[in-house]
Amino acid sequence: MSSTRDRILRLIRAHGHASVAQLAEELAISPVSVRHHLAALQAEGLVRAAEVRRGVGRPHLEYSLTEAAAERFPARYVQLSERLLAQLKSTLPAEAVEALLIRLAEEMASEHVQRTAGKSLEEKLDALVSALGEEGFGAEWKRVGETIRLTEYNCPYVRLGQQHPEICTIDQTMMRQMLSADVEKTDCVLDGAERCVFIIRPQSLEATVGTKSREP
């Protein structure tokens, strides 16, 4: 594989997902060249594309890594995490393990929750997406009727979750903590979906919130 394609994979991994324009700017090469390399990476099964719409105008494509691409990066920490969780599950009741993971997620959320103090719903959602991005989740949100639909395009725990699905409580707990809202997961990559999707029902929706999405 060319060094340019390696760099593309690393950039997509770092951002969770990326557009042609974003990659072209960061790599200092033409969009035509980026599309050529992305087409080759798609043919190898290393990246996938999804249409994303932001506000008015035509949707554009954003690219994310497939599981096959993720396997190319060193992941010894995953094996360590798997062993630690296996040991916890062998010595503690399931309820205790789940409670431990929830406390971990609450602690992670507490590092970001100050960003939402006194903010509008839209600003809180933007802060949440930014916080999820810092934790390795590539996400965006949009208003759908009386609810918010949040889509995760990248999950840093997808491999770990295959053996320990309890790990999925982390991002969902962060959402609840930062938004003080009910959160329901409707789609999950561990169940074969392409993306994890959450429906958020805030306790009080602001009428000024319009359809919007933002990447981390």
C-alpha atoms as a PDB file:
ATOM      1  CA  MET A   1       0.000   0.000   0.000  1.00  0.00           C
ATOM      2  CA  SER A   2       1.290   3.505  -0.825  1.00  0.00           C
ATOM      3  CA  SER A   3       2.352   5.826   1.971  1.00  0.00           C
ATOM      4  CA  THR A   4      -0.401   8.253   0.924  1.00  0.00           C
ATOM      5  CA  ARG A   5      -3.043   5.585   1.509  1.00  0.00           C
ATOM      6  CA  ASP A   6      -1.510   4.758   4.880  1.00  0.00           C
ATOM      7  CA  ARG A   7      -1.764   8.436   5.791  1.00  0.00           C
ATOM      8  CA  ILE A   8      -5.375   8.537   4.642  1.00  0.00           C
ATOM      9  CA  LEU A   9      -6.186   5.590   6.874  1.00  0.00           C
ATOM     10  CA  ARG A  10      -4.460   7.222   9.842  1.00  0.00           C
ATOM     11  CA  LEU A  11      -6.300  10.503   9.294  1.00  0.00           C
ATOM     12  CA  ILE A  12      -9.680   8.816   9.032  1.00  0.00           C
ATOM     13  CA  ARG A  13      -8.881   6.819  12.159  1.00  0.00           C
ATOM     14  CA  ALA A  14      -7.916   9.990  14.024  1.00  0.00           C
ATOM     15  CA  HIS A  15     -11.062  11.884  13.018  1.00  0.00           C
ATOM     16  CA  GLY A  16     -13.505   8.981  13.035  1.00  0.00           C
ATOM     17  CA  HIS A  17     -14.658   9.961   9.543  1.00  0.00           C
ATOM     18  CA  ALA A  18     -13.499  12.468   6.934  1.00  0.00           C
ATOM     19  CA  SER A  19     -14.555  14.041   3.654  1.00  0.00           C
ATOM     20  CA  VAL A  20     -12.538  14.288   0.444  1.00  0.00           C
ATOM     21  CA  ALA A  21     -12.055  18.027   0.991  1.00  0.00           C
ATOM     22  CA  GLN A  22     -10.797  17.503   4.545  1.00  0.00           C
ATOM     23  CA  LEU A  23      -8.331  14.819   3.483  1.00  0.00           C
ATOM     24  CA  ALA A  24      -7.120  16.863   0.524  1.00  0.00           C
ATOM     25  CA  GLU A  25      -6.428  19.838   2.783  1.00  0.00           C
ATOM     26  CA  GLU A  26      -4.584  17.852   5.434  1.00  0.00           C
ATOM     27  CA  LEU A  27      -2.545  15.863   2.907  1.00  0.00           C
ATOM     28  CA  ALA A  28      -1.896  18.889   0.670  1.00  0.00           C
ATOM     29  CA  ILE A  29      -2.899  16.956  -2.453  1.00  0.00           C
ATOM     30  CA  SER A  30      -5.714  17.432  -4.944  1.00  0.00           C
ATOM     31  CA  PRO A  31      -9.246  16.129  -4.310  1.00  0.00           C
ATOM     32  CA  VAL A  32      -8.902  14.079  -7.501  1.00  0.00           C
ATOM     33  CA  SER A  33      -5.898  12.256  -6.034  1.00  0.00           C
ATOM     34  CA  VAL A  34      -7.741  11.700  -2.758  1.00  0.00           C
ATOM     35  CA  ARG A  35     -10.718  10.180  -4.596  1.00  0.00           C
ATOM     36  CA  HIS A  36      -8.352   7.886  -6.503  1.00  0.00           C
ATOM     37  CA  HIS A  37      -6.777   6.596  -3.285  1.00  0.00           C
ATOM     38  CA  LEU A  38     -10.151   6.253  -1.556  1.00  0.00           C
ATOM     39  CA  ALA A  39     -11.497   4.215  -4.452  1.00  0.00           C
ATOM     40  CA  ALA A  40      -8.536   1.860  -4.119  1.00  0.00           C
ATOM     41  CA  LEU A  41      -9.051   1.600  -0.346  1.00  0.00           C
ATOM     42  CA  GLN A  42     -12.749   0.866  -0.858  1.00  0.00           C
ATOM     43  CA  ALA A  43     -11.861  -1.863  -3.338  1.00  0.00           C
ATOM     44  CA  GLU A  44      -9.629  -3.402  -0.663  1.00  0.00           C
ATOM     45  CA  GLY A  45     -12.471  -3.254   1.839  1.00  0.00           C
ATOM     46  CA  LEU A  46     -10.632  -0.825   4.122  1.00  0.00           C
ATOM     47  CA  VAL A  47     -12.922   2.212   3.995  1.00  0.00           C
ATOM     48  CA  ARG A  48     -16.656   2.748   3.584  1.00  0.00           C
ATOM     49  CA  ALA A  49     -18.555   5.819   2.424  1.00  0.00           C
ATOM     50  CA  ALA A  50     -21.807   7.296   3.724  1.00  0.00           C
ATOM     51  CA  GLU A  51     -23.862  10.243   2.534  1.00  0.00           C
ATOM     52  CA  VAL A  52     -24.045  13.075   5.058  1.00  0.00           C
ATOM     53  CA  ARG A  53     -26.293  16.139   4.780  1.00  0.00           C
ATOM     54  CA  ARG A  54     -25.541  19.315   6.696  1.00  0.00           C
ATOM     55  CA  GLY A  55     -28.282  21.889   6.483  1.00  0.00           C
ATOM     56  CA  VAL A  56     -29.450  22.815   3.007  1.00  0.00           C
ATOM     57  CA  GLY A  57     -27.756  21.692  -0.178  1.00  0.00           C
ATOM     58  CA  ARG A  58     -26.702  18.374  -1.572  1.00  0.00           C
ATOM     59  CA  PRO A  59     -25.325  15.657   0.716  1.00  0.00           C
ATOM     60  CA  HIS A  60     -21.664  14.728   0.465  1.00  0.00           C
ATOM     61  CA  LEU A  61     -19.696  11.582   1.153  1.00  0.00           C
ATOM     62  CA  GLU A  62     -17.738  10.963   4.310  1.00  0.00           C
ATOM     63  CA  TYR A  63     -15.411   8.025   4.749  1.00  0.00           C
ATOM     64  CA  SER A  64     -14.790   5.826   7.774  1.00  0.00           C
ATOM     65  CA  LEU A  65     -12.669   2.744   8.438  1.00  0.00           C
ATOM     66  CA  THR A  66     -14.001  -0.777   8.170  1.00  0.00           C
ATOM     67  CA  GLU A  67     -13.153  -3.348  10.807  1.00  0.00           C
ATOM     68  CA  ALA A  68     -10.583  -4.818   8.412  1.00  0.00           C
ATOM     69  CA  ALA A  69      -8.742  -1.486   8.388  1.00  0.00           C
ATOM     70  CA  ALA A  70      -8.912  -1.142  12.162  1.00  0.00           C
ATOM     71  CA  GLU A  71      -7.125  -4.482  12.471  1.00  0.00           C
ATOM     72  CA  ARG A  72      -4.093  -2.942  10.725  1.00  0.00           C
ATOM     73  CA  PHE A  73      -3.371  -0.721  13.697  1.00  0.00           C
ATOM     74  CA  PRO A  74      -1.643  -1.994  16.837  1.00  0.00           C
ATOM     75  CA  ALA A  75      -4.256  -3.103  19.340  1.00  0.00           C
ATOM     76  CA  ARG A  76      -2.465  -4.875  22.169  1.00  0.00           C
ATOM     77  CA  TYR A  77      -4.462  -2.715  24.585  1.00  0.00           C
ATOM     78  CA  VAL A  78      -7.599  -4.453  23.317  1.00  0.00           C
ATOM     79  CA  GLN A  79      -6.276  -7.840  24.399  1.00  0.00           C
ATOM     80  CA  LEU A  80      -5.352  -6.410  27.806  1.00  0.00           C
ATOM     81  CA  SER A  81      -8.812  -4.857  28.175  1.00  0.00           C
ATOM     82  CA  GLU A  82     -10.456  -8.128  27.178  1.00  0.00           C
ATOM     83  CA  ARG A  83      -8.482 -10.001  29.830  1.00  0.00           C
ATOM     84  CA  LEU A  84      -9.255  -7.434  32.518  1.00  0.00           C
ATOM     85  CA  LEU A  85     -12.972  -7.537  31.756  1.00  0.00           C
ATOM     86  CA  ALA A  86     -12.937 -11.318  31.649  1.00  0.00           C
ATOM     87  CA  GLN A  87     -11.341 -11.377  35.096  1.00  0.00           C
ATOM     88  CA  LEU A  88     -13.883  -8.896  36.458  1.00  0.00           C
ATOM     89  CA  LYS A  89     -16.775 -10.913  35.048  1.00  0.00           C
ATOM     90  CA  SER A  90     -15.386 -14.108  36.509  1.00  0.00           C
ATOM     91  CA  THR A  91     -15.159 -12.654  40.008  1.00  0.00           C
ATOM     92  CA  LEU A  92     -18.049 -10.138  40.176  1.00  0.00           C
ATOM     93  CA  PRO A  93     -21.787 -10.454  39.509  1.00  0.00           C
ATOM     94  CA  ALA A  94     -22.967  -9.082  36.166  1.00  0.00           C
ATOM     95  CA  GLU A  95     -24.767  -6.231  37.940  1.00  0.00           C
ATOM     96  CA  ALA A  96     -21.557  -5.175  39.648  1.00  0.00           C
ATOM     97  CA  VAL A  97     -19.610  -5.151  36.379  1.00  0.00           C
ATOM     98  CA  GLU A  98     -22.301  -3.056  34.696  1.00  0.00           C
ATOM     99  CA  ALA A  99     -22.350  -0.637  37.649  1.00  0.00           C
ATOM    100  CA  LEU A 100     -18.561  -0.327  37.436  1.00  0.00           C
ATOM    101  CA  LEU A 101     -18.727   0.548  33.742  1.00  0.00           C
ATOM    102  CA  ILE A 102     -21.474   3.095  34.385  1.00  0.00           C
ATOM    103  CA  ARG A 103     -19.360   4.764  37.088  1.00  0.00           C
ATOM    104  CA  LEU A 104     -16.449   4.845  34.640  1.00  0.00           C
ATOM    105  CA  ALA A 105     -18.657   6.490  31.996  1.00  0.00           C
ATOM    106  CA  GLU A 106     -19.986   9.005  34.559  1.00  0.00           C
ATOM    107  CA  GLU A 107     -16.413   9.924  35.454  1.00  0.00           C
ATOM    108  CA  MET A 108     -15.589  10.368  31.753  1.00  0.00           C
ATOM    109  CA  ALA A 109     -18.690  12.538  31.321  1.00  0.00           C
ATOM    110  CA  SER A 110     -17.797  14.656  34.362  1.00  0.00           C
ATOM    111  CA  GLU A 111     -14.640  15.756  32.556  1.00  0.00           C
ATOM    112  CA  HIS A 112     -16.818  17.307  29.847  1.00  0.00           C
ATOM    113  CA  VAL A 113     -20.061  18.220  31.597  1.00  0.00           C
ATOM    114  CA  GLN A 114     -18.938  21.753  32.446  1.00  0.00           C
ATOM    115  CA  ARG A 115     -19.160  22.514  28.733  1.00  0.00           C
ATOM    116  CA  THR A 116     -22.943  22.149  28.894  1.00  0.00           C
ATOM    117  CA  ALA A 117     -23.591  24.396  31.915  1.00  0.00           C
ATOM    118  CA  GLY A 118     -26.017  27.163  30.999  1.00  0.00           C
ATOM    119  CA  LYS A 119     -25.982  26.193  27.332  1.00  0.00           C
ATOM    120  CA  SER A 120     -28.868  25.892  24.912  1.00  0.00           C
ATOM    121  CA  LEU A 121     -29.892  22.430  23.739  1.00  0.00           C
ATOM    122  CA  GLU A 122     -28.100  22.943  20.443  1.00  0.00           C
ATOM    123  CA  GLU A 123     -24.907  23.986  22.207  1.00  0.00           C
ATOM    124  CA  LYS A 124     -25.151  21.008  24.565  1.00  0.00           C
ATOM    125  CA  LEU A 125     -25.460  18.640  21.608  1.00  0.00           C
ATOM    126  CA  ASP A 126     -22.442  20.215  19.932  1.00  0.00           C
ATOM    127  CA  ALA A 127     -20.482  19.873  23.174  1.00  0.00           C
ATOM    128  CA  LEU A 128     -21.536  16.238  23.451  1.00  0.00           C
ATOM    129  CA  VAL A 129     -20.393  15.470  19.907  1.00  0.00           C
ATOM    130  CA  SER A 130     -17.066  17.165  20.631  1.00  0.00           C
ATOM    131  CA  ALA A 131     -16.620  15.193  23.870  1.00  0.00           C
ATOM    132  CA  LEU A 132     -17.478  11.918  22.142  1.00  0.00           C
ATOM    133  CA  GLY A 133     -14.912  12.759  19.469  1.00  0.00           C
ATOM    134  CA  GLU A 134     -12.230  13.244  22.110  1.00  0.00           C
ATOM    135  CA  GLU A 135     -13.101   9.822  23.526  1.00  0.00           C
ATOM    136  CA  GLY A 136     -12.742   8.224  20.076  1.00  0.00           C
ATOM    137  CA  PHE A 137     -16.361   8.276  18.881  1.00  0.00           C
ATOM    138  CA  GLY A 138     -17.051  10.003  15.555  1.00  0.00           C
ATOM    139  CA  ALA A 139     -20.619  11.314  15.817  1.00  0.00           C
ATOM    140  CA  GLU A 140     -23.153  13.797  14.490  1.00  0.00           C
ATOM    141  CA  TRP A 141     -26.710  14.800  15.411  1.00  0.00           C
ATOM    142  CA  LYS A 142     -29.856  16.126  13.806  1.00  0.00           C
ATOM    143  CA  ARG A 143     -33.377  16.972  14.861  1.00  0.00           C
ATOM    144  CA  VAL A 144     -36.030  14.433  13.830  1.00  0.00           C
ATOM    145  CA  GLY A 145     -39.510  15.565  14.821  1.00  0.00           C
ATOM    146  CA  GLU A 146     -39.640  15.908  18.596  1.00  0.00           C
ATOM    147  CA  THR A 147     -36.455  13.934  19.161  1.00  0.00           C
ATOM    148  CA  ILE A 148     -32.743  14.124  18.416  1.00  0.00           C
ATOM    149  CA  ARG A 149     -31.073  11.436  16.317  1.00  0.00           C
ATOM    150  CA  LEU A 150     -27.383  10.950  17.124  1.00  0.00           C
ATOM    151  CA  THR A 151     -25.332   8.719  14.834  1.00  0.00           C
ATOM    152  CA  GLU A 152     -21.898   7.337  15.698  1.00  0.00           C
ATOM    153  CA  TYR A 153     -19.702   6.649  12.676  1.00  0.00           C
ATOM    154  CA  ASN A 154     -16.831   5.271  14.691  1.00  0.00           C
ATOM    155  CA  CYS A 155     -16.606   3.348  17.959  1.00  0.00           C
ATOM    156  CA  PRO A 156     -13.223   2.845  19.659  1.00  0.00           C
ATOM    157  CA  TYR A 157     -14.598  -0.171  21.538  1.00  0.00           C
ATOM    158  CA  VAL A 158     -16.154  -2.116  18.679  1.00  0.00           C
ATOM    159  CA  ARG A 159     -13.646  -4.963  18.860  1.00  0.00           C
ATOM    160  CA  LEU A 160     -13.775  -5.127  22.652  1.00  0.00           C
ATOM    161  CA  GLY A 161     -17.560  -5.012  22.532  1.00  0.00           C
ATOM    162  CA  GLN A 162     -17.715  -8.169  20.438  1.00  0.00           C
ATOM    163  CA  GLN A 163     -16.658 -10.146  23.501  1.00  0.00           C
ATOM    164  CA  HIS A 164     -17.972  -7.791  26.161  1.00  0.00           C
ATOM    165  CA  PRO A 165     -21.088  -5.934  24.954  1.00  0.00           C
ATOM    166  CA  GLU A 166     -21.438  -4.347  28.402  1.00  0.00           C
ATOM    167  CA  ILE A 167     -18.846  -1.823  27.229  1.00  0.00           C
ATOM    168  CA  CYS A 168     -21.593  -0.183  25.162  1.00  0.00           C
ATOM    169  CA  THR A 169     -22.904   1.481  28.323  1.00  0.00           C
ATOM    170  CA  ILE A 170     -20.053   4.004  28.200  1.00  0.00           C
ATOM    171  CA  ASP A 171     -21.131   6.302  25.363  1.00  0.00           C
ATOM    172  CA  GLN A 172     -24.822   6.019  26.192  1.00  0.00           C
ATOM    173  CA  THR A 173     -24.140   7.003  29.808  1.00  0.00           C
ATOM    174  CA  MET A 174     -22.076   9.977  28.655  1.00  0.00           C
ATOM    175  CA  MET A 175     -25.041  11.143  26.575  1.00  0.00           C
ATOM    176  CA  ARG A 176     -27.440  10.871  29.490  1.00  0.00           C
ATOM    177  CA  GLN A 177     -25.087  12.671  31.863  1.00  0.00           C
ATOM    178  CA  MET A 178     -24.190  15.548  29.573  1.00  0.00           C
ATOM    179  CA  LEU A 179     -27.725  16.175  28.301  1.00  0.00           C
ATOM    180  CA  SER A 180     -29.841  15.148  31.315  1.00  0.00           C
ATOM    181  CA  ALA A 181     -32.004  13.308  28.819  1.00  0.00           C
ATOM    182  CA  ASP A 182     -33.478   9.929  28.032  1.00  0.00           C
ATOM    183  CA  VAL A 183     -31.338   8.058  25.486  1.00  0.00           C
ATOM    184  CA  GLU A 184     -32.395   4.966  23.545  1.00  0.00           C
ATOM    185  CA  LYS A 185     -30.096   2.971  21.275  1.00  0.00           C
ATOM    186  CA  THR A 186     -31.982   1.843  18.160  1.00  0.00           C
ATOM    187  CA  ASP A 187     -29.102   0.486  16.046  1.00  0.00           C
ATOM    188  CA  CYS A 188     -25.811  -1.112  17.078  1.00  0.00           C
ATOM    189  CA  VAL A 189     -22.823  -2.283  15.064  1.00  0.00           C
ATOM    190  CA  LEU A 190     -22.569  -5.322  17.334  1.00  0.00           C
ATOM    191  CA  ASP A 191     -25.971  -6.399  16.003  1.00  0.00           C
ATOM    192  CA  GLY A 192     -24.869  -6.024  12.388  1.00  0.00           C
ATOM    193  CA  ALA A 193     -25.856  -2.389  11.786  1.00  0.00           C
ATOM    194  CA  GLU A 194     -23.493  -0.097   9.886  1.00  0.00           C
ATOM    195  CA  ARG A 195     -23.732   2.610  12.542  1.00  0.00           C
ATOM    196  CA  CYS A 196     -24.768   2.990  16.154  1.00  0.00           C
ATOM    197  CA  VAL A 197     -27.846   5.204  16.323  1.00  0.00           C
ATOM    198  CA  PHE A 198     -29.378   6.809  19.413  1.00  0.00           C
ATOM    199  CA  ILE A 199     -32.682   8.597  19.894  1.00  0.00           C
ATOM    200  CA  ILE A 200     -32.449  11.353  22.487  1.00  0.00           C
ATOM    201  CA  ARG A 201     -35.523  12.741  24.207  1.00  0.00           C
ATOM    202  CA  PRO A 202     -34.531  15.831  26.213  1.00  0.00           C
ATOM    203  CA  GLN A 203     -36.732  16.786  29.133  1.00  0.00           C
ATOM    204  CA  SER A 204     -37.454  20.129  27.454  1.00  0.00           C
ATOM    205  CA  LEU A 205     -36.899  20.614  23.725  1.00  0.00           C
ATOM    206  CA  GLU A 206     -36.014  24.112  22.583  1.00  0.00           C
ATOM    207  CA  ALA A 207     -38.078  25.410  19.710  1.00  0.00           C
ATOM    208  CA  THR A 208     -35.063  27.141  18.265  1.00  0.00           C
ATOM    209  CA  VAL A 209     -33.221  23.905  17.561  1.00  0.00           C
ATOM    210  CA  GLY A 210     -33.212  23.110  13.888  1.00  0.00           C
ATOM    211  CA  THR A 211     -31.847  20.251  11.835  1.00  0.00           C
ATOM    212  CA  LYS A 212     -28.110  20.254  12.227  1.00  0.00           C
ATOM    213  CA  SER A 213     -25.166  17.899  12.241  1.00  0.00           C
ATOM    214  CA  ARG A 214     -21.594  18.353  13.213  1.00  0.00           C
ATOM    215  CA  GLU A 215     -18.499  16.210  13.186  1.00  0.00           C
ATOM    216  CA  PRO A 216     -16.110  16.111  16.074  1.00  0.00           C
END
